[in-house]
């Protein structure tokens, strides 16, 4: 009896064009936040907040470091600084 073994189990599926589902929702969420800012505030404030927000979201969607998405790199960095670290030295 033969079974098909999945080949690429560590690669996320691309759902919408070259974007994964997480990347697509980040893109939609960032766009909605910028539209919400546009609706509530004046142009100078939207540009002051919206442009850096769009750049950060574009970096989070597109940049990978050592094959890991930038969101996972930032979450690992944040957990490293938040969790307590104990270093125990045992002399042998």
PDB file of N, CA and C in Angstrom:
ATOM      1  N   UNK A   1       0.842  -1.167   0.000  1.00  0.00           N
ATOM      2  CA  UNK A   1       0.000   0.000   0.000  1.00  0.00           C
ATOM      3  C   UNK A   1       0.895   1.241   0.000  1.00  0.00           C
ATOM      4  N   UNK A   2       0.609   2.196  -0.868  1.00  0.00           N
ATOM      5  CA  UNK A   2       1.410   3.406  -0.986  1.00  0.00           C
ATOM      6  C   UNK A   2       0.631   4.606  -0.465  1.00  0.00           C
ATOM      7  N   UNK A   3       1.363   5.495   0.187  1.00  0.00           N
ATOM      8  CA  UNK A   3       0.767   6.713   0.703  1.00  0.00           C
ATOM      9  C   UNK A   3       1.540   7.904   0.164  1.00  0.00           C
ATOM     10  N   UNK A   4       0.839   8.982  -0.106  1.00  0.00           N
ATOM     11  CA  UNK A   4       1.485  10.220  -0.512  1.00  0.00           C
ATOM     12  C   UNK A   4       1.947  10.970   0.728  1.00  0.00           C
ATOM     13  N   UNK A   5       3.224  11.295   0.767  1.00  0.00           N
ATOM     14  CA  UNK A   5       3.792  12.027   1.894  1.00  0.00           C
ATOM     15  C   UNK A   5       3.927  13.488   1.481  1.00  0.00           C
ATOM     16  N   UNK A   6       3.396  14.421   2.288  1.00  0.00           N
ATOM     17  CA  UNK A   6       3.545  15.833   1.955  1.00  0.00           C
ATOM     18  C   UNK A   6       5.015  16.227   1.917  1.00  0.00           C
ATOM     19  N   UNK A   7       5.395  17.025   0.926  1.00  0.00           N
ATOM     20  CA  UNK A   7       6.792  17.375   0.720  1.00  0.00           C
ATOM     21  C   UNK A   7       7.195  18.647   1.459  1.00  0.00           C
ATOM     22  N   UNK A   8       6.385  19.677   1.365  1.00  0.00           N
ATOM     23  CA  UNK A   8       6.760  20.981   1.911  1.00  0.00           C
ATOM     24  C   UNK A   8       5.834  21.340   3.063  1.00  0.00           C
ATOM     25  N   UNK A   9       6.070  20.747   4.231  1.00  0.00           N
ATOM     26  CA  UNK A   9       5.175  20.985   5.363  1.00  0.00           C
ATOM     27  C   UNK A   9       5.566  22.226   6.156  1.00  0.00           C
ATOM     28  N   UNK A  10       6.764  22.771   5.934  1.00  0.00           N
ATOM     29  CA  UNK A  10       7.192  23.946   6.688  1.00  0.00           C
ATOM     30  C   UNK A  10       6.921  25.250   5.946  1.00  0.00           C
ATOM     31  N   UNK A  11       6.350  25.196   4.763  1.00  0.00           N
ATOM     32  CA  UNK A  11       6.052  26.384   3.964  1.00  0.00           C
ATOM     33  C   UNK A  11       4.552  26.662   4.049  1.00  0.00           C
ATOM     34  N   UNK A  12       4.202  27.902   4.397  1.00  0.00           N
ATOM     35  CA  UNK A  12       2.779  28.263   4.475  1.00  0.00           C
ATOM     36  C   UNK A  12       2.176  28.340   3.081  1.00  0.00           C
ATOM     37  N   UNK A  13       0.900  28.027   2.991  1.00  0.00           N
ATOM     38  CA  UNK A  13       0.200  28.084   1.708  1.00  0.00           C
ATOM     39  C   UNK A  13      -0.059  29.532   1.320  1.00  0.00           C
ATOM     40  N   UNK A  14       0.147  29.828   0.053  1.00  0.00           N
ATOM     41  CA  UNK A  14      -0.202  31.158  -0.444  1.00  0.00           C
ATOM     42  C   UNK A  14      -1.652  31.114  -0.893  1.00  0.00           C
ATOM     43  N   UNK A  15      -2.446  31.964  -0.297  1.00  0.00           N
ATOM     44  CA  UNK A  15      -3.880  31.959  -0.538  1.00  0.00           C
ATOM     45  C   UNK A  15      -4.259  32.992  -1.596  1.00  0.00           C
ATOM     46  N   UNK A  16      -3.827  34.219  -1.400  1.00  0.00           N
ATOM     47  CA  UNK A  16      -4.225  35.334  -2.259  1.00  0.00           C
ATOM     48  C   UNK A  16      -2.977  35.869  -2.938  1.00  0.00           C
ATOM     49  N   UNK A  17      -2.744  35.476  -4.167  1.00  0.00           N
ATOM     50  CA  UNK A  17      -1.542  35.893  -4.885  1.00  0.00           C
ATOM     51  C   UNK A  17      -0.313  35.323  -4.208  1.00  0.00           C
ATOM     52  N   UNK A  18       0.725  36.137  -3.981  1.00  0.00           N
ATOM     53  CA  UNK A  18       1.915  35.632  -3.285  1.00  0.00           C
ATOM     54  C   UNK A  18       1.817  35.751  -1.764  1.00  0.00           C
ATOM     55  N   UNK A  19       0.677  36.177  -1.239  1.00  0.00           N
ATOM     56  CA  UNK A  19       0.519  36.422   0.196  1.00  0.00           C
ATOM     57  C   UNK A  19      -0.133  35.229   0.882  1.00  0.00           C
ATOM     58  N   UNK A  20       0.319  34.973   2.106  1.00  0.00           N
ATOM     59  CA  UNK A  20      -0.342  33.979   2.930  1.00  0.00           C
ATOM     60  C   UNK A  20      -1.572  34.628   3.570  1.00  0.00           C
ATOM     61  N   UNK A  21      -2.360  33.836   4.261  1.00  0.00           N
ATOM     62  CA  UNK A  21      -3.578  34.356   4.878  1.00  0.00           C
ATOM     63  C   UNK A  21      -3.241  35.375   5.975  1.00  0.00           C
ATOM     64  N   UNK A  22      -2.192  35.110   6.775  1.00  0.00           N
ATOM     65  CA  UNK A  22      -1.782  36.061   7.820  1.00  0.00           C
ATOM     66  C   UNK A  22      -1.333  37.378   7.207  1.00  0.00           C
ATOM     67  N   UNK A  23      -0.538  37.298   6.152  1.00  0.00           N
ATOM     68  CA  UNK A  23      -0.052  38.514   5.499  1.00  0.00           C
ATOM     69  C   UNK A  23      -1.210  39.312   4.906  1.00  0.00           C
ATOM     70  N   UNK A  24      -2.182  38.619   4.332  1.00  0.00           N
ATOM     71  CA  UNK A  24      -3.337  39.301   3.752  1.00  0.00           C
ATOM     72  C   UNK A  24      -4.143  40.026   4.824  1.00  0.00           C
ATOM     73  N   UNK A  25      -4.353  39.379   5.979  1.00  0.00           N
ATOM     74  CA  UNK A  25      -5.111  40.021   7.046  1.00  0.00           C
ATOM     75  C   UNK A  25      -4.334  41.191   7.651  1.00  0.00           C
ATOM     76  N   UNK A  26      -3.005  41.094   7.724  1.00  0.00           N
ATOM     77  CA  UNK A  26      -2.208  42.239   8.166  1.00  0.00           C
ATOM     78  C   UNK A  26      -2.358  43.403   7.200  1.00  0.00           C
ATOM     79  N   UNK A  27      -2.353  43.117   5.920  1.00  0.00           N
ATOM     80  CA  UNK A  27      -2.507  44.155   4.905  1.00  0.00           C
ATOM     81  C   UNK A  27      -3.882  44.815   4.999  1.00  0.00           C
ATOM     82  N   UNK A  28      -4.930  44.030   5.129  1.00  0.00           N
ATOM     83  CA  UNK A  28      -6.292  44.563   5.238  1.00  0.00           C
ATOM     84  C   UNK A  28      -6.454  45.359   6.540  1.00  0.00           C
ATOM     85  N   UNK A  29      -5.929  44.829   7.646  1.00  0.00           N
ATOM     86  CA  UNK A  29      -6.030  45.528   8.935  1.00  0.00           C
ATOM     87  C   UNK A  29      -5.308  46.859   8.922  1.00  0.00           C
ATOM     88  N   UNK A  30      -4.113  46.895   8.352  1.00  0.00           N
ATOM     89  CA  UNK A  30      -3.373  48.152   8.264  1.00  0.00           C
ATOM     90  C   UNK A  30      -4.068  49.157   7.367  1.00  0.00           C
ATOM     91  N   UNK A  31      -4.627  48.683   6.279  1.00  0.00           N
ATOM     92  CA  UNK A  31      -5.380  49.573   5.395  1.00  0.00           C
ATOM     93  C   UNK A  31      -6.605  50.148   6.076  1.00  0.00           C
ATOM     94  N   UNK A  32      -7.298  49.315   6.857  1.00  0.00           N
ATOM     95  CA  UNK A  32      -8.474  49.809   7.583  1.00  0.00           C
ATOM     96  C   UNK A  32      -8.097  50.841   8.648  1.00  0.00           C
ATOM     97  N   UNK A  33      -6.972  50.631   9.314  1.00  0.00           N
ATOM     98  CA  UNK A  33      -6.521  51.603  10.319  1.00  0.00           C
ATOM     99  C   UNK A  33      -6.194  52.938   9.654  1.00  0.00           C
ATOM    100  N   UNK A  34      -5.528  52.898   8.509  1.00  0.00           N
ATOM    101  CA  UNK A  34      -5.176  54.135   7.808  1.00  0.00           C
ATOM    102  C   UNK A  34      -6.433  54.843   7.295  1.00  0.00           C
ATOM    103  N   UNK A  35      -7.399  54.085   6.785  1.00  0.00           N
ATOM    104  CA  UNK A  35      -8.664  54.690   6.344  1.00  0.00           C
ATOM    105  C   UNK A  35      -9.403  55.298   7.536  1.00  0.00           C
ATOM    106  N   UNK A  36      -9.383  54.619   8.673  1.00  0.00           N
ATOM    107  CA  UNK A  36     -10.013  55.138   9.881  1.00  0.00           C
ATOM    108  C   UNK A  36      -9.341  56.439  10.326  1.00  0.00           C
ATOM    109  N   UNK A  37      -7.994  56.478  10.255  1.00  0.00           N
ATOM    110  CA  UNK A  37      -7.280  57.719  10.589  1.00  0.00           C
ATOM    111  C   UNK A  37      -7.654  58.840   9.625  1.00  0.00           C
ATOM    112  N   UNK A  38      -7.766  58.512   8.341  1.00  0.00           N
ATOM    113  CA  UNK A  38      -8.120  59.500   7.311  1.00  0.00           C
ATOM    114  C   UNK A  38      -9.506  60.082   7.582  1.00  0.00           C
ATOM    115  N   UNK A  39     -10.412  59.222   8.048  1.00  0.00           N
ATOM    116  CA  UNK A  39     -11.791  59.638   8.290  1.00  0.00           C
ATOM    117  C   UNK A  39     -11.890  60.527   9.535  1.00  0.00           C
ATOM    118  N   UNK A  40     -11.037  60.277  10.551  1.00  0.00           N
ATOM    119  CA  UNK A  40     -11.156  60.994  11.809  1.00  0.00           C
ATOM    120  C   UNK A  40     -10.310  62.259  11.909  1.00  0.00           C
ATOM    121  N   UNK A  41      -9.107  62.249  11.320  1.00  0.00           N
ATOM    122  CA  UNK A  41      -8.153  63.318  11.574  1.00  0.00           C
ATOM    123  C   UNK A  41      -7.810  64.082  10.309  1.00  0.00           C
ATOM    124  N   UNK A  42      -6.997  65.113  10.482  1.00  0.00           N
ATOM    125  CA  UNK A  42      -6.559  65.924   9.349  1.00  0.00           C
ATOM    126  C   UNK A  42      -5.412  65.235   8.617  1.00  0.00           C
ATOM    127  N   UNK A  43      -5.092  65.777   7.437  1.00  0.00           N
ATOM    128  CA  UNK A  43      -4.095  65.159   6.565  1.00  0.00           C
ATOM    129  C   UNK A  43      -2.723  65.078   7.206  1.00  0.00           C
ATOM    130  N   UNK A  44      -2.279  66.122   7.895  1.00  0.00           N
ATOM    131  CA  UNK A  44      -0.931  66.113   8.468  1.00  0.00           C
ATOM    132  C   UNK A  44      -0.782  65.017   9.521  1.00  0.00           C
ATOM    133  N   UNK A  45      -1.843  64.777  10.293  1.00  0.00           N
ATOM    134  CA  UNK A  45      -1.791  63.732  11.312  1.00  0.00           C
ATOM    135  C   UNK A  45      -1.814  62.346  10.684  1.00  0.00           C
ATOM    136  N   UNK A  46      -2.598  62.207   9.634  1.00  0.00           N
ATOM    137  CA  UNK A  46      -2.663  60.924   8.924  1.00  0.00           C
ATOM    138  C   UNK A  46      -1.308  60.598   8.318  1.00  0.00           C
ATOM    139  N   UNK A  47      -0.648  61.598   7.732  1.00  0.00           N
ATOM    140  CA  UNK A  47       0.678  61.366   7.167  1.00  0.00           C
ATOM    141  C   UNK A  47       1.705  61.087   8.261  1.00  0.00           C
ATOM    142  N   UNK A  48       1.584  61.759   9.389  1.00  0.00           N
ATOM    143  CA  UNK A  48       2.517  61.580  10.494  1.00  0.00           C
ATOM    144  C   UNK A  48       2.424  60.171  11.088  1.00  0.00           C
ATOM    145  N   UNK A  49       1.242  59.648  11.201  1.00  0.00           N
ATOM    146  CA  UNK A  49       1.036  58.327  11.794  1.00  0.00           C
ATOM    147  C   UNK A  49       0.920  57.243  10.726  1.00  0.00           C
ATOM    148  N   UNK A  50       0.266  57.532   9.627  1.00  0.00           N
ATOM    149  CA  UNK A  50      -0.033  56.513   8.620  1.00  0.00           C
ATOM    150  C   UNK A  50       1.159  56.033   7.826  1.00  0.00           C
ATOM    151  N   UNK A  51       2.069  56.941   7.473  1.00  0.00           N
ATOM    152  CA  UNK A  51       3.234  56.539   6.665  1.00  0.00           C
ATOM    153  C   UNK A  51       4.153  55.597   7.447  1.00  0.00           C
ATOM    154  N   UNK A  52       4.531  55.924   8.706  1.00  0.00           N
ATOM    155  CA  UNK A  52       5.341  54.946   9.450  1.00  0.00           C
ATOM    156  C   UNK A  52       4.608  53.627   9.696  1.00  0.00           C
ATOM    157  N   UNK A  53       3.297  53.709   9.932  1.00  0.00           N
ATOM    158  CA  UNK A  53       2.517  52.489  10.122  1.00  0.00           C
ATOM    159  C   UNK A  53       2.529  51.628   8.867  1.00  0.00           C
ATOM    160  N   UNK A  54       2.363  52.257   7.709  1.00  0.00           N
ATOM    161  CA  UNK A  54       2.388  51.512   6.454  1.00  0.00           C
ATOM    162  C   UNK A  54       3.762  50.901   6.205  1.00  0.00           C
ATOM    163  N   UNK A  55       4.832  51.613   6.552  1.00  0.00           N
ATOM    164  CA  UNK A  55       6.179  51.074   6.375  1.00  0.00           C
ATOM    165  C   UNK A  55       6.440  49.887   7.300  1.00  0.00           C
ATOM    166  N   UNK A  56       5.986  49.984   8.539  1.00  0.00           N
ATOM    167  CA  UNK A  56       6.165  48.873   9.483  1.00  0.00           C
ATOM    168  C   UNK A  56       5.365  47.657   9.031  1.00  0.00           C
ATOM    169  N   UNK A  57       4.144  47.869   8.571  1.00  0.00           N
ATOM    170  CA  UNK A  57       3.336  46.746   8.102  1.00  0.00           C
ATOM    171  C   UNK A  57       3.922  46.125   6.832  1.00  0.00           C
ATOM    172  N   UNK A  58       4.429  46.951   5.928  1.00  0.00           N
ATOM    173  CA  UNK A  58       5.061  46.408   4.722  1.00  0.00           C
ATOM    174  C   UNK A  58       6.293  45.591   5.097  1.00  0.00           C
ATOM    175  N   UNK A  59       7.062  46.054   6.074  1.00  0.00           N
ATOM    176  CA  UNK A  59       8.227  45.290   6.526  1.00  0.00           C
ATOM    177  C   UNK A  59       7.795  43.981   7.172  1.00  0.00           C
ATOM    178  N   UNK A  60       6.737  44.029   7.988  1.00  0.00           N
ATOM    179  CA  UNK A  60       6.258  42.818   8.652  1.00  0.00           C
ATOM    180  C   UNK A  60       5.720  41.806   7.647  1.00  0.00           C
ATOM    181  N   UNK A  61       5.169  42.276   6.563  1.00  0.00           N
ATOM    182  CA  UNK A  61       4.618  41.379   5.556  1.00  0.00           C
ATOM    183  C   UNK A  61       5.705  40.806   4.656  1.00  0.00           C
ATOM    184  N   UNK A  62       6.664  41.610   4.256  1.00  0.00           N
ATOM    185  CA  UNK A  62       7.586  41.204   3.206  1.00  0.00           C
ATOM    186  C   UNK A  62       8.947  40.704   3.676  1.00  0.00           C
ATOM    187  N   UNK A  63       9.464  41.185   4.803  1.00  0.00           N
ATOM    188  CA  UNK A  63      10.836  40.868   5.204  1.00  0.00           C
ATOM    189  C   UNK A  63      10.886  39.559   5.979  1.00  0.00           C
ATOM    190  N   UNK A  64      11.877  38.723   5.633  1.00  0.00           N
ATOM    191  CA  UNK A  64      12.144  37.497   6.367  1.00  0.00           C
ATOM    192  C   UNK A  64      13.608  37.505   6.787  1.00  0.00           C
ATOM    193  N   UNK A  65      13.857  37.091   8.022  1.00  0.00           N
ATOM    194  CA  UNK A  65      15.214  37.002   8.550  1.00  0.00           C
ATOM    195  C   UNK A  65      15.487  35.535   8.844  1.00  0.00           C
ATOM    196  N   UNK A  66      16.484  34.981   8.171  1.00  0.00           N
ATOM    197  CA  UNK A  66      16.829  33.557   8.282  1.00  0.00           C
ATOM    198  C   UNK A  66      15.630  32.658   8.004  1.00  0.00           C
ATOM    199  N   UNK A  67      14.800  33.041   7.057  1.00  0.00           N
ATOM    200  CA  UNK A  67      13.651  32.242   6.675  1.00  0.00           C
ATOM    201  C   UNK A  67      12.458  32.364   7.602  1.00  0.00           C
ATOM    202  N   UNK A  68      12.547  33.207   8.620  1.00  0.00           N
ATOM    203  CA  UNK A  68      11.434  33.408   9.544  1.00  0.00           C
ATOM    204  C   UNK A  68      10.825  34.768   9.300  1.00  0.00           C
ATOM    205  N   UNK A  69       9.498  34.876   9.332  1.00  0.00           N
ATOM    206  CA  UNK A  69       8.854  36.185   9.149  1.00  0.00           C
ATOM    207  C   UNK A  69       9.248  37.154  10.263  1.00  0.00           C
ATOM    208  N   UNK A  70       9.208  38.418   9.936  1.00  0.00           N
ATOM    209  CA  UNK A  70       9.618  39.457  10.880  1.00  0.00           C
ATOM    210  C   UNK A  70       8.731  39.470  12.123  1.00  0.00           C
ATOM    211  N   UNK A  71       7.473  39.095  11.987  1.00  0.00           N
ATOM    212  CA  UNK A  71       6.576  39.062  13.146  1.00  0.00           C
ATOM    213  C   UNK A  71       7.040  38.025  14.162  1.00  0.00           C
ATOM    214  N   UNK A  72       7.498  36.862  13.698  1.00  0.00           N
ATOM    215  CA  UNK A  72       7.989  35.835  14.623  1.00  0.00           C
ATOM    216  C   UNK A  72       9.314  36.244  15.244  1.00  0.00           C
ATOM    217  N   UNK A  73      10.152  36.945  14.497  1.00  0.00           N
ATOM    218  CA  UNK A  73      11.425  37.422  15.039  1.00  0.00           C
ATOM    219  C   UNK A  73      11.163  38.434  16.148  1.00  0.00           C
ATOM    220  N   UNK A  74      10.235  39.362  15.928  1.00  0.00           N
ATOM    221  CA  UNK A  74       9.908  40.356  16.951  1.00  0.00           C
ATOM    222  C   UNK A  74       9.256  39.713  18.168  1.00  0.00           C
ATOM    223  N   UNK A  75       8.392  38.719  17.967  1.00  0.00           N
ATOM    224  CA  UNK A  75       7.761  38.068  19.115  1.00  0.00           C
ATOM    225  C   UNK A  75       8.791  37.286  19.927  1.00  0.00           C
ATOM    226  N   UNK A  76       9.756  36.634  19.281  1.00  0.00           N
ATOM    227  CA  UNK A  76      10.817  35.921  20.005  1.00  0.00           C
ATOM    228  C   UNK A  76      11.695  36.912  20.761  1.00  0.00           C
ATOM    229  N   UNK A  77      12.008  38.057  20.155  1.00  0.00           N
ATOM    230  CA  UNK A  77      12.808  39.083  20.817  1.00  0.00           C
ATOM    231  C   UNK A  77      12.080  39.627  22.043  1.00  0.00           C
ATOM    232  N   UNK A  78      10.766  39.880  21.897  1.00  0.00           N
ATOM    233  CA  UNK A  78       9.964  40.410  22.995  1.00  0.00           C
ATOM    234  C   UNK A  78       9.887  39.408  24.145  1.00  0.00           C
ATOM    235  N   UNK A  79       9.673  38.128  23.834  1.00  0.00           N
ATOM    236  CA  UNK A  79       9.611  37.099  24.876  1.00  0.00           C
ATOM    237  C   UNK A  79      10.960  36.953  25.578  1.00  0.00           C
ATOM    238  N   UNK A  80      12.045  37.120  24.844  1.00  0.00           N
ATOM    239  CA  UNK A  80      13.371  37.039  25.448  1.00  0.00           C
ATOM    240  C   UNK A  80      13.561  38.134  26.490  1.00  0.00           C
ATOM    241  N   UNK A  81      13.100  39.343  26.216  1.00  0.00           N
ATOM    242  CA  UNK A  81      13.300  40.446  27.151  1.00  0.00           C
ATOM    243  C   UNK A  81      12.283  40.456  28.286  1.00  0.00           C
ATOM    244  N   UNK A  82      11.116  39.856  28.076  1.00  0.00           N
ATOM    245  CA  UNK A  82      10.084  39.866  29.114  1.00  0.00           C
ATOM    246  C   UNK A  82      10.272  38.731  30.119  1.00  0.00           C
ATOM    247  N   UNK A  83      10.560  37.525  29.657  1.00  0.00           N
ATOM    248  CA  UNK A  83      10.668  36.367  30.542  1.00  0.00           C
ATOM    249  C   UNK A  83      11.923  36.457  31.395  1.00  0.00           C
ATOM    250  N   UNK A  84      11.816  36.021  32.644  1.00  0.00           N
ATOM    251  CA  UNK A  84      13.009  36.026  33.505  1.00  0.00           C
ATOM    252  C   UNK A  84      14.007  34.964  33.039  1.00  0.00           C
ATOM    253  N   UNK A  85      15.277  35.281  33.216  1.00  0.00           N
ATOM    254  CA  UNK A  85      16.329  34.347  32.820  1.00  0.00           C
ATOM    255  C   UNK A  85      17.164  34.012  34.058  1.00  0.00           C
ATOM    256  N   UNK A  86      17.348  32.748  34.294  1.00  0.00           N
ATOM    257  CA  UNK A  86      18.160  32.294  35.410  1.00  0.00           C
ATOM    258  C   UNK A  86      19.362  31.555  34.855  1.00  0.00           C
ATOM    259  N   UNK A  87      20.514  31.952  35.296  1.00  0.00           N
ATOM    260  CA  UNK A  87      21.745  31.306  34.882  1.00  0.00           C
ATOM    261  C   UNK A  87      22.356  30.641  36.102  1.00  0.00           C
ATOM    262  N   UNK A  88      22.433  29.350  36.074  1.00  0.00           N
ATOM    263  CA  UNK A  88      22.963  28.597  37.208  1.00  0.00           C
ATOM    264  C   UNK A  88      24.274  27.957  36.784  1.00  0.00           C
ATOM    265  N   UNK A  89      25.296  28.251  37.558  1.00  0.00           N
ATOM    266  CA  UNK A  89      26.609  27.698  37.245  1.00  0.00           C
ATOM    267  C   UNK A  89      26.918  26.618  38.246  1.00  0.00           C
ATOM    268  N   UNK A  90      27.225  25.435  37.737  1.00  0.00           N
ATOM    269  CA  UNK A  90      27.580  24.318  38.605  1.00  0.00           C
ATOM    270  C   UNK A  90      29.017  23.930  38.336  1.00  0.00           C
ATOM    271  N   UNK A  91      29.820  24.023  39.343  1.00  0.00           N
ATOM    272  CA  UNK A  91      31.224  23.655  39.211  1.00  0.00           C
ATOM    273  C   UNK A  91      31.332  22.130  39.317  1.00  0.00           C
ATOM    274  N   UNK A  92      32.019  21.545  38.369  1.00  0.00           N
ATOM    275  CA  UNK A  92      32.130  20.083  38.377  1.00  0.00           C
ATOM    276  C   UNK A  92      33.536  19.664  38.684  1.00  0.00           C
TER     277      UNK A  92
END
